Amino acid sequence: MAKTYELSLANDIFLATIEDVLRAQLNEVKINISREDSFVNLNSR
């Protein structure tokens, strides 16, 4: 029983870590897109 619990706990931590990594990458992409928008806006003026 304890082993199963440890395994599922480790799995939850693993999944949470993947989720954090993906979320961080998504935020980075959003930041890059907004930077490009600002760059385009500066050039168009």
N, C-alpha and C. Protein backbone atom coordinates (compact mmCIF):
# COMPACT_ATOMS: atom_id res chain seq x y z
N MET A 1 0.83 -1.21 0.00
CA MET A 1 0.00 0.00 0.00
C MET A 1 0.87 1.27 0.00
N ALA A 2 1.87 1.27 0.85
CA ALA A 2 2.75 2.44 0.95
C ALA A 2 3.50 2.67 -0.36
N LYS A 3 3.93 1.58 -0.98
CA LYS A 3 4.66 1.70 -2.25
C LYS A 3 3.79 2.33 -3.34
N THR A 4 2.55 1.87 -3.41
CA THR A 4 1.62 2.41 -4.41
C THR A 4 1.42 3.91 -4.17
N TYR A 5 1.29 4.28 -2.91
CA TYR A 5 1.09 5.68 -2.56
C TYR A 5 2.32 6.51 -2.97
N GLU A 6 3.50 5.99 -2.66
CA GLU A 6 4.74 6.69 -3.02
C GLU A 6 4.83 6.87 -4.53
N LEU A 7 4.48 5.83 -5.25
CA LEU A 7 4.55 5.86 -6.71
C LEU A 7 3.58 6.91 -7.27
N SER A 8 2.35 6.91 -6.76
CA SER A 8 1.36 7.87 -7.28
C SER A 8 1.75 9.30 -6.90
N LEU A 9 2.35 9.46 -5.73
CA LEU A 9 2.80 10.79 -5.31
C LEU A 9 3.91 11.27 -6.24
N ALA A 10 4.86 10.39 -6.53
CA ALA A 10 5.95 10.73 -7.44
C ALA A 10 5.40 11.07 -8.82
N ASN A 11 4.39 10.33 -9.25
CA ASN A 11 3.77 10.55 -10.55
C ASN A 11 3.09 11.92 -10.58
N ASP A 12 2.40 12.28 -9.49
CA ASP A 12 1.74 13.59 -9.41
C ASP A 12 2.77 14.71 -9.51
N ILE A 13 3.89 14.54 -8.82
CA ILE A 13 4.95 15.55 -8.85
C ILE A 13 5.53 15.66 -10.25
N PHE A 14 5.72 14.51 -10.90
CA PHE A 14 6.25 14.47 -12.26
C PHE A 14 5.31 15.20 -13.22
N LEU A 15 4.01 14.91 -13.12
CA LEU A 15 3.03 15.56 -13.99
C LEU A 15 2.96 17.06 -13.72
N ALA A 16 3.02 17.44 -12.46
CA ALA A 16 2.98 18.86 -12.11
C ALA A 16 4.20 19.58 -12.68
N THR A 17 5.35 18.90 -12.66
CA THR A 17 6.57 19.49 -13.21
C THR A 17 6.43 19.71 -14.71
N ILE A 18 5.90 18.71 -15.41
CA ILE A 18 5.69 18.84 -16.86
C ILE A 18 4.74 20.00 -17.13
N GLU A 19 3.68 20.09 -16.33
CA GLU A 19 2.69 21.16 -16.50
C GLU A 19 3.35 22.53 -16.32
N ASP A 20 4.20 22.65 -15.30
CA ASP A 20 4.91 23.92 -15.06
C ASP A 20 5.81 24.28 -16.23
N VAL A 21 6.51 23.28 -16.75
CA VAL A 21 7.42 23.51 -17.88
C VAL A 21 6.64 23.97 -19.10
N LEU A 22 5.53 23.30 -19.38
CA LEU A 22 4.71 23.67 -20.54
C LEU A 22 4.13 25.07 -20.37
N ARG A 23 3.68 25.36 -19.16
CA ARG A 23 3.10 26.68 -18.90
C ARG A 23 4.16 27.76 -19.08
N ALA A 24 5.37 27.50 -18.60
CA ALA A 24 6.47 28.46 -18.74
C ALA A 24 6.80 28.69 -20.22
N GLN A 25 6.81 27.61 -21.00
CA GLN A 25 7.09 27.74 -22.43
C GLN A 25 5.99 28.54 -23.11
N LEU A 26 4.74 28.30 -22.72
CA LEU A 26 3.61 29.01 -23.31
C LEU A 26 3.72 30.51 -23.01
N ASN A 27 4.07 30.83 -21.76
CA ASN A 27 4.23 32.23 -21.38
C ASN A 27 5.35 32.89 -22.16
N GLU A 28 6.42 32.15 -22.39
CA GLU A 28 7.56 32.67 -23.14
C GLU A 28 7.13 32.99 -24.58
N VAL A 29 6.35 32.10 -25.16
CA VAL A 29 5.85 32.31 -26.53
C VAL A 29 4.98 33.56 -26.57
N LYS A 30 4.11 33.72 -25.57
CA LYS A 30 3.24 34.91 -25.51
C LYS A 30 4.07 36.18 -25.41
N ILE A 31 5.11 36.14 -24.58
CA ILE A 31 5.98 37.31 -24.41
C ILE A 31 6.68 37.64 -25.73
N ASN A 32 7.17 36.62 -26.42
CA ASN A 32 7.84 36.84 -27.70
C ASN A 32 6.89 37.44 -28.72
N ILE A 33 5.66 36.96 -28.75
CA ILE A 33 4.67 37.49 -29.69
C ILE A 33 4.39 38.96 -29.38
N SER A 34 4.22 39.29 -28.12
CA SER A 34 3.92 40.68 -27.77
C SER A 34 5.11 41.58 -28.07
N ARG A 35 6.33 41.06 -27.91
CA ARG A 35 7.52 41.83 -28.26
C ARG A 35 7.55 42.11 -29.76
N GLU A 36 7.23 41.09 -30.55
CA GLU A 36 7.21 41.28 -32.00
C GLU A 36 6.16 42.30 -32.40
N ASP A 37 5.01 42.27 -31.74
CA ASP A 37 3.95 43.24 -32.02
C ASP A 37 4.45 44.66 -31.73
N SER A 38 5.14 44.83 -30.62
CA SER A 38 5.67 46.15 -30.26
C SER A 38 6.69 46.61 -31.29
N PHE A 39 7.51 45.67 -31.73
CA PHE A 39 8.54 45.97 -32.72
C PHE A 39 7.89 46.43 -34.03
N VAL A 40 6.86 45.71 -34.45
CA VAL A 40 6.14 46.07 -35.68
C VAL A 40 5.49 47.44 -35.52
N ASN A 41 4.91 47.69 -34.36
CA ASN A 41 4.25 48.98 -34.12
C ASN A 41 5.25 50.13 -34.17
N LEU A 42 6.43 49.91 -33.63
CA LEU A 42 7.46 50.95 -33.66
C LEU A 42 7.89 51.24 -35.10
N ASN A 43 8.02 50.20 -35.89
CA ASN A 43 8.46 50.37 -37.27
C ASN A 43 7.41 51.04 -38.14
N SER A 44 6.14 50.80 -37.83
CA SER A 44 5.08 51.32 -38.69
C SER A 44 4.83 52.82 -38.46
N ARG A 45 5.33 53.33 -37.33
CA ARG A 45 5.08 54.76 -37.04
C ARG A 45 5.90 55.69 -37.89
